[in-house]
């Protein structure tokens, strides 16, 4: 139906923090490898600290060795490094703690109860040093936790994801896709201050389709330069929260735009969506990848998506 290309691939290691534009990203059982694998929670109740409530999270930049995103073997001392204004770098070991599930509460490797919006489950604590760093930066009692389906003996199943798909700490689907043309159309309403794509936090930015065509994609494939083909399936449209109203370079609070303008033509009522009361605003679409169901295969070889890969739409809704 349409052959397009992947324009950019973005991974968000720490939920609600800045993403990383990568040259290649391996597919894992939860989506892109390391995507939303960590999150910051309120230490008192385990609830996710979201960017809408703490806009300064937009200034937190995680980084990983380039080889990590490709699924390459890493040295034992490899780290997730986290940087933020006014803070020394926080270095979190990528090697999982051998004490997982047995560590004393508050130590690295201890299992803690967590809540992500309507979902509750467990995460693995990254220890007191990480907790001190985040508590200092955010000015509240916070902890850093990691998703680990093996240690927790559970798969994180997002509430609206298709049965069987693991999503880590992501909300709904494994991958959020947005086309370049969709953002360009939105920016026709903001000619004097065009919005950056990072306000919408996609995983896969697509070159070629018409604006909002991704609303109607049912299935598509991405063929990597080396010939590997992955198949993706539609989950649902992405309902916007307050995050797009935050300027990622100067996150001094939230405003009304672009939600106010998008609400005039991108609400559930305008799009004919039978979800909630029809007042929610939508931009981008969530997808899952059928290859992530083959967890044994995922553990033996790295299958990647990269800018320049071909995207073929197979079915339209």
Protein backbone atom coordinates (compact mmCIF):
# COMPACT_ATOMS: atom_id res chain seq x y z
CA UNK A 1 0.00 0.00 0.00
CA UNK A 2 2.86 2.32 0.75
CA UNK A 3 6.63 2.05 1.04
CA UNK A 4 8.15 4.62 3.33
CA UNK A 5 11.31 4.86 5.41
CA UNK A 6 12.35 5.17 9.04
CA UNK A 7 13.58 8.73 9.56
CA UNK A 8 14.68 8.45 13.20
CA UNK A 9 14.74 5.91 16.04
CA UNK A 10 14.50 7.14 19.64
CA UNK A 11 14.93 5.17 22.86
CA UNK A 12 13.92 6.45 26.31
CA UNK A 13 15.88 4.43 28.91
CA UNK A 14 14.39 6.30 31.89
CA UNK A 15 10.65 6.82 31.63
CA UNK A 16 9.64 10.52 31.58
CA UNK A 17 13.22 11.68 30.87
CA UNK A 18 14.94 12.69 27.62
CA UNK A 19 15.28 10.21 24.80
CA UNK A 20 18.31 9.17 22.77
CA UNK A 21 18.34 9.29 18.98
CA UNK A 22 20.24 6.16 17.97
CA UNK A 23 21.87 4.85 14.80
CA UNK A 24 20.39 1.40 15.41
CA UNK A 25 18.10 -0.12 18.04
CA UNK A 26 17.72 -3.80 18.83
CA UNK A 27 14.30 -5.32 19.38
CA UNK A 28 13.81 -6.97 22.77
CA UNK A 29 10.90 -8.76 24.42
CA UNK A 30 9.54 -5.40 25.64
CA UNK A 31 10.08 -3.27 22.53
CA UNK A 32 13.34 -1.46 21.83
CA UNK A 33 16.12 -2.73 24.06
CA UNK A 34 16.40 -0.53 27.18
CA UNK A 35 13.33 1.54 26.30
CA UNK A 36 11.48 2.57 29.49
CA UNK A 37 13.50 0.01 31.43
CA UNK A 38 13.94 2.41 34.37
CA UNK A 39 11.62 4.87 36.05
CA UNK A 40 11.66 7.20 39.03
CA UNK A 41 9.08 6.63 41.74
CA UNK A 42 7.93 8.34 44.89
CA UNK A 43 9.69 6.38 47.64
CA UNK A 44 6.69 6.75 49.96
CA UNK A 45 4.11 5.08 47.74
CA UNK A 46 5.98 3.66 44.73
CA UNK A 47 4.09 5.82 42.24
CA UNK A 48 5.72 6.92 39.01
CA UNK A 49 6.93 10.51 39.06
CA UNK A 50 5.70 11.68 35.65
CA UNK A 51 7.02 14.61 33.64
CA UNK A 52 3.66 16.37 33.82
CA UNK A 53 4.10 16.58 37.61
CA UNK A 54 7.85 17.20 37.53
CA UNK A 55 8.68 19.10 34.29
CA UNK A 56 12.38 19.33 35.20
CA UNK A 57 12.60 15.63 34.23
CA UNK A 58 12.71 16.97 30.66
CA UNK A 59 16.28 18.14 31.35
CA UNK A 60 17.51 14.74 32.54
CA UNK A 61 19.63 13.06 29.85
CA UNK A 62 20.37 9.33 30.14
CA UNK A 63 23.13 7.79 28.03
CA UNK A 64 24.30 4.26 27.28
CA UNK A 65 27.22 2.81 25.33
CA UNK A 66 26.36 2.81 21.60
CA UNK A 67 26.86 -0.97 21.52
CA UNK A 68 24.12 -1.41 24.12
CA UNK A 69 21.36 -0.33 21.76
CA UNK A 70 22.54 -2.82 19.14
CA UNK A 71 22.33 -5.71 21.59
CA UNK A 72 26.10 -6.27 21.59
CA UNK A 73 27.87 -7.95 24.49
CA UNK A 74 28.93 -5.31 27.04
CA UNK A 75 31.74 -5.31 29.62
CA UNK A 76 30.80 -5.99 33.23
CA UNK A 77 31.50 -2.37 34.17
CA UNK A 78 29.14 -0.85 31.57
CA UNK A 79 26.79 1.78 33.03
CA UNK A 80 23.70 3.81 32.41
CA UNK A 81 24.89 7.39 32.93
CA UNK A 82 22.37 10.05 33.91
CA UNK A 83 23.09 13.78 33.70
CA UNK A 84 21.04 16.78 34.81
CA UNK A 85 21.72 20.50 35.38
CA UNK A 86 23.55 21.18 38.63
CA UNK A 87 24.17 17.49 39.33
CA UNK A 88 27.22 15.25 39.10
CA UNK A 89 26.67 12.28 36.75
CA UNK A 90 24.87 9.30 38.21
CA UNK A 91 26.29 5.99 37.02
CA UNK A 92 24.05 2.95 37.34
CA UNK A 93 25.56 -0.49 36.57
CA UNK A 94 23.93 -2.20 33.61
CA UNK A 95 24.82 -5.58 35.03
CA UNK A 96 21.83 -6.70 37.05
CA UNK A 97 22.35 -7.22 40.76
CA UNK A 98 22.88 -10.84 41.77
CA UNK A 99 21.00 -10.03 44.98
CA UNK A 100 17.73 -9.37 43.13
CA UNK A 101 14.73 -10.46 45.18
CA UNK A 102 16.87 -11.14 48.26
CA UNK A 103 18.43 -7.76 49.01
CA UNK A 104 17.57 -5.83 52.11
CA UNK A 105 14.93 -3.18 51.48
CA UNK A 106 16.49 0.00 50.09
CA UNK A 107 19.60 -1.75 48.77
CA UNK A 108 20.31 -2.31 45.09
CA UNK A 109 18.45 -5.41 43.98
CA UNK A 110 15.57 -5.24 46.44
CA UNK A 111 12.08 -5.69 44.98
CA UNK A 112 9.65 -2.82 45.54
CA UNK A 113 5.97 -2.27 44.79
CA UNK A 114 5.39 0.32 42.05
CA UNK A 115 2.43 2.00 40.37
CA UNK A 116 2.30 3.32 36.79
CA UNK A 117 -0.98 5.20 36.42
CA UNK A 118 -3.62 2.41 36.57
CA UNK A 119 -1.12 -0.47 36.68
CA UNK A 120 0.51 -1.79 39.84
CA UNK A 121 3.32 -4.31 40.04
CA UNK A 122 6.95 -4.48 41.07
CA UNK A 123 10.33 -3.05 40.15
CA UNK A 124 13.93 -3.68 41.19
CA UNK A 125 15.48 -0.90 43.29
CA UNK A 126 18.74 0.60 42.01
CA UNK A 127 19.98 1.38 45.51
CA UNK A 128 20.68 4.27 47.91
CA UNK A 129 23.12 6.23 45.71
CA UNK A 130 20.57 6.49 42.92
CA UNK A 131 17.86 7.35 45.46
CA UNK A 132 19.95 10.17 46.92
CA UNK A 133 20.69 11.57 43.44
CA UNK A 134 17.06 11.62 42.38
CA UNK A 135 15.80 12.90 45.72
CA UNK A 136 18.26 15.79 45.55
CA UNK A 137 17.39 16.69 41.96
CA UNK A 138 13.62 16.47 42.36
CA UNK A 139 13.40 17.77 45.92
CA UNK A 140 11.30 14.85 47.11
CA UNK A 141 11.79 11.34 48.44
CA UNK A 142 12.47 9.40 45.23
CA UNK A 143 13.97 6.12 44.08
CA UNK A 144 15.11 4.68 40.74
CA UNK A 145 13.70 1.27 39.84
CA UNK A 146 14.32 -1.13 36.95
CA UNK A 147 12.04 -3.48 35.07
CA UNK A 148 13.24 -7.09 35.22
CA UNK A 149 10.77 -9.77 34.15
CA UNK A 150 13.17 -12.58 35.12
CA UNK A 151 13.86 -11.34 38.63
CA UNK A 152 10.23 -10.40 39.24
CA UNK A 153 8.89 -13.58 37.62
CA UNK A 154 6.27 -11.53 35.83
CA UNK A 155 5.80 -9.84 32.48
CA UNK A 156 4.61 -6.25 32.49
CA UNK A 157 1.40 -6.32 30.47
CA UNK A 158 0.15 -2.81 29.76
CA UNK A 159 -3.58 -2.51 30.33
CA UNK A 160 -4.48 -1.95 26.67
CA UNK A 161 -1.70 -3.93 24.98
CA UNK A 162 -2.71 -7.14 23.15
CA UNK A 163 -2.53 -10.25 25.31
CA UNK A 164 0.92 -11.77 25.54
CA UNK A 165 2.92 -8.66 24.66
CA UNK A 166 5.39 -7.42 27.26
CA UNK A 167 5.75 -3.65 27.54
CA UNK A 168 8.18 -2.95 30.37
CA UNK A 169 7.24 0.37 32.00
CA UNK A 170 5.68 1.73 28.78
CA UNK A 171 2.04 2.76 29.10
CA UNK A 172 0.13 1.12 26.28
CA UNK A 173 2.11 -0.26 23.33
CA UNK A 174 5.75 -1.10 22.70
CA UNK A 175 6.36 1.52 20.00
CA UNK A 176 4.91 4.98 19.37
CA UNK A 177 5.03 5.93 15.69
CA UNK A 178 4.56 9.43 14.26
CA UNK A 179 5.16 10.62 10.72
CA UNK A 180 7.15 13.73 9.87
CA UNK A 181 4.17 15.04 7.91
CA UNK A 182 1.90 14.82 10.95
CA UNK A 183 4.12 17.18 12.93
CA UNK A 184 4.48 19.45 9.91
CA UNK A 185 0.69 19.72 9.68
CA UNK A 186 0.39 20.51 13.38
CA UNK A 187 3.03 23.22 13.00
CA UNK A 188 0.98 25.00 10.33
CA UNK A 189 -1.00 26.22 13.34
CA UNK A 190 2.16 27.49 15.05
CA UNK A 191 4.16 29.26 12.30
CA UNK A 192 5.98 31.58 14.69
CA UNK A 193 6.98 28.91 17.20
CA UNK A 194 6.96 25.45 15.61
CA UNK A 195 6.88 22.52 18.00
CA UNK A 196 9.75 20.06 18.24
CA UNK A 197 8.99 16.38 17.77
CA UNK A 198 10.46 15.62 21.20
CA UNK A 199 7.32 17.02 22.84
CA UNK A 200 5.44 13.97 21.56
CA UNK A 201 8.08 11.36 22.48
CA UNK A 202 7.86 8.91 19.57
CA UNK A 203 10.02 5.80 19.19
CA UNK A 204 9.84 5.65 15.39
CA UNK A 205 9.58 8.74 13.18
CA UNK A 206 8.49 7.88 9.65
CA UNK A 207 9.32 9.68 6.41
CA UNK A 208 6.94 9.58 3.46
CA UNK A 209 3.31 9.13 4.51
CA UNK A 210 0.73 11.87 4.48
CA UNK A 211 -0.18 13.63 7.70
CA UNK A 212 -1.95 11.39 10.21
CA UNK A 213 -1.89 8.36 7.91
CA UNK A 214 -0.44 6.37 10.82
CA UNK A 215 -3.90 6.65 12.42
CA UNK A 216 -5.15 4.08 9.92
CA UNK A 217 -2.25 1.63 9.74
CA UNK A 218 -3.31 -1.85 10.82
CA UNK A 219 -0.08 -3.73 10.08
CA UNK A 220 3.27 -2.74 8.61
CA UNK A 221 6.75 -4.20 8.25
CA UNK A 222 10.19 -2.69 8.69
CA UNK A 223 12.98 -4.23 6.67
CA UNK A 224 16.45 -3.62 8.03
CA UNK A 225 19.41 -2.96 5.76
CA UNK A 226 20.62 -6.52 6.37
CA UNK A 227 17.35 -7.99 5.11
CA UNK A 228 15.60 -8.82 8.40
CA UNK A 229 11.88 -8.01 8.30
CA UNK A 230 9.81 -7.24 11.39
CA UNK A 231 6.01 -7.08 11.50
CA UNK A 232 4.14 -4.47 13.56
CA UNK A 233 0.49 -4.45 14.62
CA UNK A 234 -1.71 -1.52 15.60
CA UNK A 235 -2.79 -1.18 19.24
CA UNK A 236 -4.55 2.19 19.56
CA UNK A 237 -4.10 5.91 18.98
CA UNK A 238 -1.90 7.78 21.42
CA UNK A 239 -4.02 9.87 23.81
CA UNK A 240 -2.14 13.01 24.75
CA UNK A 241 -1.40 13.97 28.33
CA UNK A 242 0.07 17.31 29.45
CA UNK A 243 3.62 16.45 28.32
CA UNK A 244 3.33 18.04 24.82
CA UNK A 245 2.64 21.38 26.51
CA UNK A 246 6.12 21.30 28.07
CA UNK A 247 9.03 22.99 26.29
CA UNK A 248 11.74 20.34 26.58
CA UNK A 249 14.49 22.97 26.54
CA UNK A 250 12.89 25.27 29.10
CA UNK A 251 10.47 23.13 31.13
CA UNK A 252 9.16 25.82 33.44
CA UNK A 253 5.62 24.49 33.55
CA UNK A 254 2.70 23.55 31.32
CA UNK A 255 0.41 25.67 29.18
CA UNK A 256 -2.55 25.05 26.89
CA UNK A 257 -0.84 24.46 23.55
CA UNK A 258 -0.73 22.40 21.46
CA UNK A 259 -3.57 20.54 23.21
CA UNK A 260 -6.01 23.44 22.84
CA UNK A 261 -5.52 23.65 19.07
CA UNK A 262 -5.33 19.89 18.51
CA UNK A 263 -8.53 19.53 20.49
CA UNK A 264 -10.38 21.45 17.76
CA UNK A 265 -9.80 18.71 15.19
CA UNK A 266 -7.99 15.75 16.77
CA UNK A 267 -10.35 14.81 19.59
CA UNK A 268 -12.00 11.40 19.84
CA UNK A 269 -15.22 13.00 18.67
CA UNK A 270 -13.59 14.42 15.54
CA UNK A 271 -11.82 11.14 14.76
CA UNK A 272 -14.86 8.97 15.36
CA UNK A 273 -13.22 7.06 18.22
CA UNK A 274 -15.50 5.27 20.62
CA UNK A 275 -13.19 5.80 23.60
CA UNK A 276 -14.23 7.51 26.82
CA UNK A 277 -16.26 10.70 26.40
CA UNK A 278 -14.71 11.65 23.06
CA UNK A 279 -12.96 14.71 24.49
CA UNK A 280 -9.47 13.21 24.67
CA UNK A 281 -6.96 14.49 22.06
CA UNK A 282 -4.91 12.06 19.93
CA UNK A 283 -1.60 12.24 18.07
CA UNK A 284 0.50 9.29 16.90
CA UNK A 285 -0.26 5.57 17.16
CA UNK A 286 0.95 2.70 19.33
CA UNK A 287 2.12 -0.58 17.83
CA UNK A 288 3.53 -3.90 18.98
CA UNK A 289 6.00 -6.11 17.11
CA UNK A 290 5.15 -9.80 16.69
CA UNK A 291 8.85 -10.72 16.84
CA UNK A 292 8.89 -9.73 20.52
CA UNK A 293 6.71 -12.74 21.28
CA UNK A 294 9.58 -15.05 20.34
CA UNK A 295 11.57 -14.39 23.50
CA UNK A 296 13.92 -17.32 22.94
CA UNK A 297 14.89 -15.96 19.53
CA UNK A 298 15.27 -12.45 20.96
CA UNK A 299 17.78 -13.73 23.49
CA UNK A 300 20.00 -15.31 20.83
CA UNK A 301 20.29 -12.67 18.15
CA UNK A 302 19.93 -8.92 17.82
CA UNK A 303 17.34 -7.78 15.29
CA UNK A 304 17.55 -4.04 14.75
CA UNK A 305 15.65 -1.07 13.38
CA UNK A 306 17.65 1.87 12.02
CA UNK A 307 17.12 5.15 10.18
CA UNK A 308 16.88 4.44 6.47
CA UNK A 309 15.10 1.10 6.90
CA UNK A 310 12.13 0.51 4.61
CA UNK A 311 8.64 0.64 6.12
CA UNK A 312 5.89 -1.06 4.13
CA UNK A 313 2.24 -0.60 5.11
CA UNK A 314 0.44 -3.91 4.57
CA UNK A 315 -3.07 -3.22 5.86
CA UNK A 316 -5.08 -0.09 6.58
CA UNK A 317 -7.86 0.00 9.15
